[in-house]
PDB file of N, CA and C in Angstrom:
ATOM      1  N   MET A   1      37.131  13.595   6.139  1.00  0.00           N
ATOM      2  CA  MET A   1      35.922  13.934   6.859  1.00  0.00           C
ATOM      3  C   MET A   1      36.179  15.144   7.739  1.00  0.00           C
ATOM      4  N   ASN A   2      35.201  15.989   7.878  1.00  0.00           N
ATOM      5  CA  ASN A   2      35.307  17.212   8.657  1.00  0.00           C
ATOM      6  C   ASN A   2      35.389  16.875  10.144  1.00  0.00           C
ATOM      7  N   PRO A   3      36.349  17.452  10.898  1.00  0.00           N
ATOM      8  CA  PRO A   3      36.458  17.152  12.330  1.00  0.00           C
ATOM      9  C   PRO A   3      35.270  17.682  13.131  1.00  0.00           C
ATOM     10  N   ARG A   4      34.590  18.660  12.599  1.00  0.00           N
ATOM     11  CA  ARG A   4      33.411  19.192  13.295  1.00  0.00           C
ATOM     12  C   ARG A   4      32.237  18.248  13.097  1.00  0.00           C
ATOM     13  N   THR A   5      31.416  18.154  14.093  1.00  0.00           N
ATOM     14  CA  THR A   5      30.214  17.341  13.969  1.00  0.00           C
ATOM     15  C   THR A   5      29.177  18.159  13.238  1.00  0.00           C
ATOM     16  N   SER A   6      28.560  17.566  12.249  1.00  0.00           N
ATOM     17  CA  SER A   6      27.566  18.319  11.488  1.00  0.00           C
ATOM     18  C   SER A   6      26.329  18.562  12.344  1.00  0.00           C
ATOM     19  N   ALA A   7      25.613  19.624  12.030  1.00  0.00           N
ATOM     20  CA  ALA A   7      24.421  20.001  12.793  1.00  0.00           C
ATOM     21  C   ALA A   7      23.344  18.944  12.713  1.00  0.00           C
ATOM     22  N   SER A   8      23.281  18.247  11.589  1.00  0.00           N
ATOM     23  CA  SER A   8      22.234  17.239  11.436  1.00  0.00           C
ATOM     24  C   SER A   8      22.503  16.001  12.276  1.00  0.00           C
ATOM     25  N   SER A   9      23.767  15.757  12.648  1.00  0.00           N
ATOM     26  CA  SER A   9      24.064  14.569  13.443  1.00  0.00           C
ATOM     27  C   SER A   9      23.924  14.811  14.937  1.00  0.00           C
ATOM     28  N   ARG A  10      23.829  16.050  15.335  1.00  0.00           N
ATOM     29  CA  ARG A  10      23.654  16.363  16.755  1.00  0.00           C
ATOM     30  C   ARG A  10      22.177  16.476  17.079  1.00  0.00           C
ATOM     31  N   ALA A  11      21.772  15.895  18.169  1.00  0.00           N
ATOM     32  CA  ALA A  11      20.384  16.021  18.625  1.00  0.00           C
ATOM     33  C   ALA A  11      20.271  17.297  19.438  1.00  0.00           C
ATOM     34  N   PRO A  12      19.255  18.111  19.165  1.00  0.00           N
ATOM     35  CA  PRO A  12      19.102  19.345  19.938  1.00  0.00           C
ATOM     36  C   PRO A  12      18.739  19.023  21.385  1.00  0.00           C
ATOM     37  N   ALA A  13      19.235  19.841  22.278  1.00  0.00           N
ATOM     38  CA  ALA A  13      18.897  19.665  23.690  1.00  0.00           C
ATOM     39  C   ALA A  13      17.428  19.991  23.886  1.00  0.00           C
ATOM     40  N   ARG A  14      16.752  19.152  24.614  1.00  0.00           N
ATOM     41  CA  ARG A  14      15.326  19.380  24.845  1.00  0.00           C
ATOM     42  C   ARG A  14      15.155  20.101  26.165  1.00  0.00           C
ATOM     43  N   VAL A  15      14.512  21.236  26.101  1.00  0.00           N
ATOM     44  CA  VAL A  15      14.261  22.033  27.289  1.00  0.00           C
ATOM     45  C   VAL A  15      12.772  22.021  27.548  1.00  0.00           C
ATOM     46  N   GLU A  16      12.385  21.558  28.701  1.00  0.00           N
ATOM     47  CA  GLU A  16      10.974  21.532  29.065  1.00  0.00           C
ATOM     48  C   GLU A  16      10.567  22.913  29.567  1.00  0.00           C
ATOM     49  N   PRO A  17       9.431  23.437  29.111  1.00  0.00           N
ATOM     50  CA  PRO A  17       8.962  24.728  29.620  1.00  0.00           C
ATOM     51  C   PRO A  17       8.549  24.602  31.076  1.00  0.00           C
ATOM     52  N   HIS A  18       8.751  25.657  31.816  1.00  0.00           N
ATOM     53  CA  HIS A  18       8.353  25.669  33.222  1.00  0.00           C
ATOM     54  C   HIS A  18       6.835  25.682  33.301  1.00  0.00           C
ATOM     55  N   ASN A  19       6.291  24.777  34.028  1.00  0.00           N
ATOM     56  CA  ASN A  19       4.844  24.680  34.182  1.00  0.00           C
ATOM     57  C   ASN A  19       4.531  24.651  35.661  1.00  0.00           C
ATOM     58  N   ILE A  20       3.805  25.645  36.130  1.00  0.00           N
ATOM     59  CA  ILE A  20       3.465  25.748  37.544  1.00  0.00           C
ATOM     60  C   ILE A  20       2.733  24.499  38.011  1.00  0.00           C
ATOM     61  N   ARG A  21       1.821  24.024  37.215  1.00  0.00           N
ATOM     62  CA  ARG A  21       1.019  22.869  37.624  1.00  0.00           C
ATOM     63  C   ARG A  21       1.860  21.613  37.808  1.00  0.00           C
ATOM     64  N   THR A  22       2.762  21.343  36.885  1.00  0.00           N
ATOM     65  CA  THR A  22       3.541  20.114  37.008  1.00  0.00           C
ATOM     66  C   THR A  22       4.690  20.276  37.985  1.00  0.00           C
ATOM     67  N   SER A  23       5.302  21.456  38.044  1.00  0.00           N
ATOM     68  CA  SER A  23       6.420  21.626  38.958  1.00  0.00           C
ATOM     69  C   SER A  23       5.958  21.749  40.400  1.00  0.00           C
ATOM     70  N   ALA A  24       4.718  22.127  40.625  1.00  0.00           N
ATOM     71  CA  ALA A  24       4.209  22.261  41.983  1.00  0.00           C
ATOM     72  C   ALA A  24       3.764  20.919  42.558  1.00  0.00           C
ATOM     73  N   ARG A  25       3.686  19.901  41.719  1.00  0.00           N
ATOM     74  CA  ARG A  25       3.242  18.586  42.183  1.00  0.00           C
ATOM     75  C   ARG A  25       4.398  17.837  42.827  1.00  0.00           C
ATOM     76  N   THR A  26       4.591  18.033  44.103  1.00  0.00           N
ATOM     77  CA  THR A  26       5.646  17.308  44.785  1.00  0.00           C
ATOM     78  C   THR A  26       5.108  16.023  45.390  1.00  0.00           C
ATOM     79  N   ASN A  27       3.824  16.000  45.701  1.00  0.00           N
ATOM     80  CA  ASN A  27       3.212  14.759  46.153  1.00  0.00           C
ATOM     81  C   ASN A  27       1.980  14.505  45.304  1.00  0.00           C
ATOM     82  N   ASN A  28       1.414  13.373  45.423  1.00  0.00           N
ATOM     83  CA  ASN A  28       0.290  12.992  44.570  1.00  0.00           C
ATOM     84  C   ASN A  28      -1.043  13.453  45.148  1.00  0.00           C
ATOM     85  N   THR A  29      -1.252  14.736  45.237  1.00  0.00           N
ATOM     86  CA  THR A  29      -2.533  15.247  45.704  1.00  0.00           C
ATOM     87  C   THR A  29      -3.496  15.283  44.538  1.00  0.00           C
ATOM     88  N   LYS A  30      -4.766  15.125  44.841  1.00  0.00           N
ATOM     89  CA  LYS A  30      -5.775  15.098  43.782  1.00  0.00           C
ATOM     90  C   LYS A  30      -6.136  16.489  43.296  1.00  0.00           C
ATOM     91  N   GLU A  31      -6.010  17.485  44.160  1.00  0.00           N
ATOM     92  CA  GLU A  31      -6.401  18.842  43.774  1.00  0.00           C
ATOM     93  C   GLU A  31      -5.169  19.702  43.573  1.00  0.00           C
ATOM     94  N   GLU A  32      -5.191  20.475  42.519  1.00  0.00           N
ATOM     95  CA  GLU A  32      -4.124  21.416  42.244  1.00  0.00           C
ATOM     96  C   GLU A  32      -4.648  22.813  42.508  1.00  0.00           C
ATOM     97  N   VAL A  33      -3.796  23.660  43.009  1.00  0.00           N
ATOM     98  CA  VAL A  33      -4.209  25.018  43.321  1.00  0.00           C
ATOM     99  C   VAL A  33      -3.492  25.968  42.382  1.00  0.00           C
ATOM    100  N   ASN A  34      -4.280  26.823  41.741  1.00  0.00           N
ATOM    101  CA  ASN A  34      -3.727  27.850  40.871  1.00  0.00           C
ATOM    102  C   ASN A  34      -4.474  29.131  41.201  1.00  0.00           C
ATOM    103  N   ALA A  35      -3.756  30.191  41.520  1.00  0.00           N
ATOM    104  CA  ALA A  35      -4.372  31.424  41.996  1.00  0.00           C
ATOM    105  C   ALA A  35      -5.254  32.111  40.966  1.00  0.00           C
ATOM    106  N   THR A  36      -5.092  31.827  39.697  1.00  0.00           N
ATOM    107  CA  THR A  36      -5.866  32.548  38.688  1.00  0.00           C
ATOM    108  C   THR A  36      -6.997  31.740  38.083  1.00  0.00           C
ATOM    109  N   THR A  37      -7.177  30.503  38.517  1.00  0.00           N
ATOM    110  CA  THR A  37      -8.243  29.708  37.928  1.00  0.00           C
ATOM    111  C   THR A  37      -9.147  29.112  38.988  1.00  0.00           C
ATOM    112  N   THR A  38     -10.346  28.757  38.574  1.00  0.00           N
ATOM    113  CA  THR A  38     -11.299  28.110  39.462  1.00  0.00           C
ATOM    114  C   THR A  38     -11.218  26.614  39.261  1.00  0.00           C
ATOM    115  N   ALA A  39     -12.083  25.884  39.934  1.00  0.00           N
ATOM    116  CA  ALA A  39     -12.087  24.430  39.825  1.00  0.00           C
ATOM    117  C   ALA A  39     -12.378  23.976  38.399  1.00  0.00           C
ATOM    118  N   HIS A  40     -13.111  24.765  37.635  1.00  0.00           N
ATOM    119  CA  HIS A  40     -13.451  24.399  36.264  1.00  0.00           C
ATOM    120  C   HIS A  40     -12.420  24.905  35.270  1.00  0.00           C
ATOM    121  N   ASP A  41     -11.306  25.389  35.788  1.00  0.00           N
ATOM    122  CA  ASP A  41     -10.205  25.874  34.967  1.00  0.00           C
ATOM    123  C   ASP A  41     -10.558  27.107  34.141  1.00  0.00           C
ATOM    124  N   ALA A  42     -11.547  27.863  34.574  1.00  0.00           N
ATOM    125  CA  ALA A  42     -11.873  29.139  33.933  1.00  0.00           C
ATOM    126  C   ALA A  42     -11.155  30.243  34.711  1.00  0.00           C
ATOM    127  N   PRO A  43     -10.531  31.179  34.025  1.00  0.00           N
ATOM    128  CA  PRO A  43      -9.817  32.250  34.727  1.00  0.00           C
ATOM    129  C   PRO A  43     -10.745  33.081  35.609  1.00  0.00           C
ATOM    130  N   LEU A  44     -10.228  33.519  36.740  1.00  0.00           N
ATOM    131  CA  LEU A  44     -10.976  34.422  37.612  1.00  0.00           C
ATOM    132  C   LEU A  44     -10.927  35.839  37.073  1.00  0.00           C
ATOM    133  N   LEU A  45      -9.820  36.187  36.426  1.00  0.00           N
ATOM    134  CA  LEU A  45      -9.617  37.536  35.894  1.00  0.00           C
ATOM    135  C   LEU A  45      -9.222  37.461  34.429  1.00  0.00           C
ATOM    136  N   TYR A  46      -9.687  38.449  33.683  1.00  0.00           N
ATOM    137  CA  TYR A  46      -9.352  38.540  32.266  1.00  0.00           C
ATOM    138  C   TYR A  46      -8.655  39.862  31.988  1.00  0.00           C
ATOM    139  N   THR A  47      -7.742  39.854  31.032  1.00  0.00           N
ATOM    140  CA  THR A  47      -7.172  41.103  30.549  1.00  0.00           C
ATOM    141  C   THR A  47      -8.240  41.780  29.694  1.00  0.00           C
ATOM    142  N   LEU A  48      -8.037  43.039  29.375  1.00  0.00           N
ATOM    143  CA  LEU A  48      -9.024  43.745  28.554  1.00  0.00           C
ATOM    144  C   LEU A  48      -9.177  43.118  27.168  1.00  0.00           C
ATOM    145  N   PRO A  49      -8.099  42.769  26.484  1.00  0.00           N
ATOM    146  CA  PRO A  49      -8.292  42.111  25.180  1.00  0.00           C
ATOM    147  C   PRO A  49      -9.013  40.765  25.295  1.00  0.00           C
ATOM    148  N   GLU A  50      -8.732  40.005  26.355  1.00  0.00           N
ATOM    149  CA  GLU A  50      -9.421  38.728  26.554  1.00  0.00           C
ATOM    150  C   GLU A  50     -10.911  38.939  26.791  1.00  0.00           C
ATOM    151  N   ALA A  51     -11.245  39.923  27.638  1.00  0.00           N
ATOM    152  CA  ALA A  51     -12.654  40.200  27.934  1.00  0.00           C
ATOM    153  C   ALA A  51     -13.386  40.661  26.681  1.00  0.00           C
ATOM    154  N   ALA A  52     -12.755  41.526  25.901  1.00  0.00           N
ATOM    155  CA  ALA A  52     -13.381  41.993  24.659  1.00  0.00           C
ATOM    156  C   ALA A  52     -13.612  40.821  23.708  1.00  0.00           C
ATOM    157  N   ALA A  53     -12.644  39.932  23.618  1.00  0.00           N
ATOM    158  CA  ALA A  53     -12.786  38.766  22.740  1.00  0.00           C
ATOM    159  C   ALA A  53     -13.910  37.852  23.222  1.00  0.00           C
ATOM    160  N   LEU A  54     -14.013  37.655  24.529  1.00  0.00           N
ATOM    161  CA  LEU A  54     -15.076  36.802  25.069  1.00  0.00           C
ATOM    162  C   LEU A  54     -16.459  37.373  24.779  1.00  0.00           C
ATOM    163  N   LEU A  55     -16.581  38.697  24.879  1.00  0.00           N
ATOM    164  CA  LEU A  55     -17.867  39.352  24.618  1.00  0.00           C
ATOM    165  C   LEU A  55     -18.093  39.584  23.125  1.00  0.00           C
ATOM    166  N   ARG A  56     -17.076  39.328  22.314  1.00  0.00           N
ATOM    167  CA  ARG A  56     -17.144  39.546  20.861  1.00  0.00           C
ATOM    168  C   ARG A  56     -17.414  41.016  20.528  1.00  0.00           C
ATOM    169  N   ILE A  57     -16.707  41.902  21.274  1.00  0.00           N
ATOM    170  CA  ILE A  57     -16.812  43.341  21.035  1.00  0.00           C
ATOM    171  C   ILE A  57     -15.404  43.897  20.853  1.00  0.00           C
ATOM    172  N   SER A  58     -15.321  45.128  20.379  1.00  0.00           N
ATOM    173  CA  SER A  58     -14.013  45.756  20.189  1.00  0.00           C
ATOM    174  C   SER A  58     -13.470  46.260  21.522  1.00  0.00           C
ATOM    175  N   ARG A  59     -12.172  46.512  21.550  1.00  0.00           N
ATOM    176  CA  ARG A  59     -11.572  47.099  22.756  1.00  0.00           C
ATOM    177  C   ARG A  59     -12.192  48.459  23.036  1.00  0.00           C
ATOM    178  N   THR A  60     -12.470  49.224  21.991  1.00  0.00           N
ATOM    179  CA  THR A  60     -13.070  50.548  22.157  1.00  0.00           C
ATOM    180  C   THR A  60     -14.417  50.443  22.853  1.00  0.00           C
ATOM    181  N   LYS A  61     -15.250  49.506  22.407  1.00  0.00           N
ATOM    182  CA  LYS A  61     -16.563  49.312  23.029  1.00  0.00           C
ATOM    183  C   LYS A  61     -16.403  48.875  24.480  1.00  0.00           C
ATOM    184  N   LEU A  62     -15.424  48.022  24.761  1.00  0.00           N
ATOM    185  CA  LEU A  62     -15.191  47.595  26.140  1.00  0.00           C
ATOM    186  C   LEU A  62     -14.810  48.786  27.006  1.00  0.00           C
ATOM    187  N   TYR A  63     -13.938  49.649  26.506  1.00  0.00           N
ATOM    188  CA  TYR A  63     -13.566  50.845  27.268  1.00  0.00           C
ATOM    189  C   TYR A  63     -14.784  51.741  27.509  1.00  0.00           C
ATOM    190  N   GLU A  64     -15.672  51.844  26.535  1.00  0.00           N
ATOM    191  CA  GLU A  64     -16.902  52.626  26.728  1.00  0.00           C
ATOM    192  C   GLU A  64     -17.743  52.027  27.853  1.00  0.00           C
ATOM    193  N   LEU A  65     -17.870  50.716  27.881  1.00  0.00           N
ATOM    194  CA  LEU A  65     -18.642  50.046  28.932  1.00  0.00           C
ATOM    195  C   LEU A  65     -17.990  50.216  30.301  1.00  0.00           C
ATOM    196  N   LEU A  66     -16.668  50.199  30.339  1.00  0.00           N
ATOM    197  CA  LEU A  66     -15.956  50.409  31.599  1.00  0.00           C
ATOM    198  C   LEU A  66     -16.136  51.839  32.096  1.00  0.00           C
ATOM    199  N   THR A  67     -16.047  52.805  31.188  1.00  0.00           N
ATOM    200  CA  THR A  67     -16.223  54.215  31.550  1.00  0.00           C
ATOM    201  C   THR A  67     -17.632  54.481  32.061  1.00  0.00           C
ATOM    202  N   ALA A  68     -18.618  53.807  31.469  1.00  0.00           N
ATOM    203  CA  ALA A  68     -20.016  53.967  31.879  1.00  0.00           C
ATOM    204  C   ALA A  68     -20.361  53.109  33.099  1.00  0.00           C
ATOM    205  N   HIS A  69     -19.368  52.411  33.646  1.00  0.00           N
ATOM    206  CA  HIS A  69     -19.556  51.533  34.810  1.00  0.00           C
ATOM    207  C   HIS A  69     -20.561  50.420  34.544  1.00  0.00           C
ATOM    208  N   GLU A  70     -20.634  49.995  33.294  1.00  0.00           N
ATOM    209  CA  GLU A  70     -21.490  48.862  32.929  1.00  0.00           C
ATOM    210  C   GLU A  70     -20.805  47.545  33.282  1.00  0.00           C
ATOM    211  N   ILE A  71     -19.480  47.552  33.239  1.00  0.00           N
ATOM    212  CA  ILE A  71     -18.684  46.379  33.583  1.00  0.00           C
ATOM    213  C   ILE A  71     -17.670  46.800  34.636  1.00  0.00           C
ATOM    214  N   GLU A  72     -17.561  45.995  35.675  1.00  0.00           N
ATOM    215  CA  GLU A  72     -16.626  46.264  36.769  1.00  0.00           C
ATOM    216  C   GLU A  72     -15.215  45.854  36.364  1.00  0.00           C
ATOM    217  N   SER A  73     -14.241  46.603  36.836  1.00  0.00           N
ATOM    218  CA  SER A  73     -12.846  46.218  36.630  1.00  0.00           C
ATOM    219  C   SER A  73     -12.074  46.484  37.907  1.00  0.00           C
ATOM    220  N   ILE A  74     -10.932  45.842  38.024  1.00  0.00           N
ATOM    221  CA  ILE A  74     -10.067  46.052  39.183  1.00  0.00           C
ATOM    222  C   ILE A  74      -8.660  46.342  38.682  1.00  0.00           C
ATOM    223  N   HIS A  75      -7.868  46.936  39.545  1.00  0.00           N
ATOM    224  CA  HIS A  75      -6.469  47.211  39.217  1.00  0.00           C
ATOM    225  C   HIS A  75      -5.579  46.331  40.080  1.00  0.00           C
ATOM    226  N   ILE A  76      -4.615  45.723  39.449  1.00  0.00           N
ATOM    227  CA  ILE A  76      -3.572  44.986  40.151  1.00  0.00           C
ATOM    228  C   ILE A  76      -2.273  45.633  39.700  1.00  0.00           C
ATOM    229  N   GLY A  77      -1.715  46.409  40.592  1.00  0.00           N
ATOM    230  CA  GLY A  77      -0.553  47.199  40.193  1.00  0.00           C
ATOM    231  C   GLY A  77      -0.990  48.201  39.147  1.00  0.00           C
ATOM    232  N   ARG A  78      -0.327  48.185  38.007  1.00  0.00           N
ATOM    233  CA  ARG A  78      -0.689  49.103  36.925  1.00  0.00           C
ATOM    234  C   ARG A  78      -1.599  48.463  35.889  1.00  0.00           C
ATOM    235  N   SER A  79      -1.886  47.182  36.052  1.00  0.00           N
ATOM    236  CA  SER A  79      -2.726  46.511  35.054  1.00  0.00           C
ATOM    237  C   SER A  79      -4.185  46.494  35.493  1.00  0.00           C
ATOM    238  N   ARG A  80      -5.041  46.543  34.522  1.00  0.00           N
ATOM    239  CA  ARG A  80      -6.483  46.541  34.761  1.00  0.00           C
ATOM    240  C   ARG A  80      -7.023  45.180  34.344  1.00  0.00           C
ATOM    241  N   LYS A  81      -7.790  44.554  35.227  1.00  0.00           N
ATOM    242  CA  LYS A  81      -8.347  43.229  34.968  1.00  0.00           C
ATOM    243  C   LYS A  81      -9.857  43.268  35.147  1.00  0.00           C
ATOM    244  N   ILE A  82     -10.519  42.328  34.495  1.00  0.00           N
ATOM    245  CA  ILE A  82     -11.972  42.233  34.601  1.00  0.00           C
ATOM    246  C   ILE A  82     -12.307  40.876  35.208  1.00  0.00           C
ATOM    247  N   PRO A  83     -12.963  40.877  36.375  1.00  0.00           N
ATOM    248  CA  PRO A  83     -13.351  39.605  36.984  1.00  0.00           C
ATOM    249  C   PRO A  83     -14.355  38.867  36.100  1.00  0.00           C
ATOM    250  N   SER A  84     -14.247  37.555  36.067  1.00  0.00           N
ATOM    251  CA  SER A  84     -15.184  36.769  35.258  1.00  0.00           C
ATOM    252  C   SER A  84     -16.615  36.994  35.734  1.00  0.00           C
ATOM    253  N   ALA A  85     -16.799  37.198  37.035  1.00  0.00           N
ATOM    254  CA  ALA A  85     -18.140  37.459  37.569  1.00  0.00           C
ATOM    255  C   ALA A  85     -18.717  38.750  36.997  1.00  0.00           C
ATOM    256  N   ALA A  86     -17.865  39.745  36.742  1.00  0.00           N
ATOM    257  CA  ALA A  86     -18.338  41.010  36.170  1.00  0.00           C
ATOM    258  C   ALA A  86     -18.865  40.797  34.754  1.00  0.00           C
ATOM    259  N   LEU A  87     -18.221  39.917  34.002  1.00  0.00           N
ATOM    260  CA  LEU A  87     -18.703  39.614  32.648  1.00  0.00           C
ATOM    261  C   LEU A  87     -20.035  38.878  32.711  1.00  0.00           C
ATOM    262  N   HIS A  88     -20.139  37.926  33.640  1.00  0.00           N
ATOM    263  CA  HIS A  88     -21.396  37.186  33.799  1.00  0.00           C
ATOM    264  C   HIS A  88     -22.530  38.119  34.235  1.00  0.00           C
ATOM    265  N   ASP A  89     -22.226  39.039  35.159  1.00  0.00           N
ATOM    266  CA  ASP A  89     -23.235  40.005  35.620  1.00  0.00           C
ATOM    267  C   ASP A  89     -23.707  40.891  34.476  1.00  0.00           C
ATOM    268  N   TYR A  90     -22.779  41.363  33.664  1.00  0.00           N
ATOM    269  CA  TYR A  90     -23.128  42.218  32.534  1.00  0.00           C
ATOM    270  C   TYR A  90     -24.039  41.473  31.557  1.00  0.00           C
ATOM    271  N   ILE A  91     -23.686  40.249  31.242  1.00  0.00           N
ATOM    272  CA  ILE A  91     -24.505  39.450  30.320  1.00  0.00           C
ATOM    273  C   ILE A  91     -25.888  39.204  30.911  1.00  0.00           C
ATOM    274  N   GLU A  92     -25.955  38.930  32.203  1.00  0.00           N
ATOM    275  CA  GLU A  92     -27.254  38.701  32.856  1.00  0.00           C
ATOM    276  C   GLU A  92     -28.115  39.961  32.799  1.00  0.00           C
ATOM    277  N   ARG A  93     -27.508  41.139  33.025  1.00  0.00           N
ATOM    278  CA  ARG A  93     -28.270  42.395  32.928  1.00  0.00           C
ATOM    279  C   ARG A  93     -28.799  42.599  31.512  1.00  0.00           C
ATOM    280  N   LEU A  94     -27.996  42.270  30.514  1.00  0.00           N
ATOM    281  CA  LEU A  94     -28.453  42.391  29.126  1.00  0.00           C
ATOM    282  C   LEU A  94     -29.632  41.464  28.862  1.00  0.00           C
ATOM    283  N   ARG A  95     -29.583  40.271  29.403  1.00  0.00           N
ATOM    284  CA  ARG A  95     -30.694  39.322  29.222  1.00  0.00           C
ATOM    285  C   ARG A  95     -31.974  39.837  29.865  1.00  0.00           C
ATOM    286  N   ILE A  96     -31.853  40.376  31.072  1.00  0.00           N
ATOM    287  CA  ILE A  96     -33.029  40.898  31.781  1.00  0.00           C
ATOM    288  C   ILE A  96     -33.628  42.067  31.017  1.00  0.00           C
ATOM    289  N   GLU A  97     -32.776  42.983  30.533  1.00  0.00           N
ATOM    290  CA  GLU A  97     -33.261  44.132  29.761  1.00  0.00           C
ATOM    291  C   GLU A  97     -33.941  43.682  28.478  1.00  0.00           C
ATOM    292  N   GLU A  98     -33.432  42.637  27.871  1.00  0.00           N
ATOM    293  CA  GLU A  98     -34.000  42.145  26.621  1.00  0.00           C
ATOM    294  C   GLU A  98     -35.372  41.510  26.836  1.00  0.00           C
ATOM    295  N   GLU A  99     -35.599  40.934  28.009  1.00  0.00           N
ATOM    296  CA  GLU A  99     -36.879  40.298  28.313  1.00  0.00           C
ATOM    297  C   GLU A  99     -37.993  41.316  28.524  1.00  0.00           C
ATOM    298  N   ARG A 100     -37.631  42.538  28.847  1.00  0.00           N
ATOM    299  CA  ARG A 100     -38.648  43.571  29.122  1.00  0.00           C
ATOM    300  C   ARG A 100     -39.339  44.021  27.881  1.00  0.00           C
TER     301      ARG A 100
END
């Protein structure tokens, strides 16, 4: 018999991924706080690809809307984010224009 243990007989070490929500729970509080989400677990900010996907438009079209100031964006460091409220405002403006 081979002195080495075969790979199939060894159980792989299980590594749990770091999770802010579970690792931050040191006591049994009912509310969890996460800086990027609201109470309904919807993100406060979206990346440009996420925002384009939510609106079902291309990145190019999203950049056109940003350049035309149709949708608000903010900068955090070097990254550009779109507040969820800005997406809701844009959709509401489209609805109002469509009703006219």
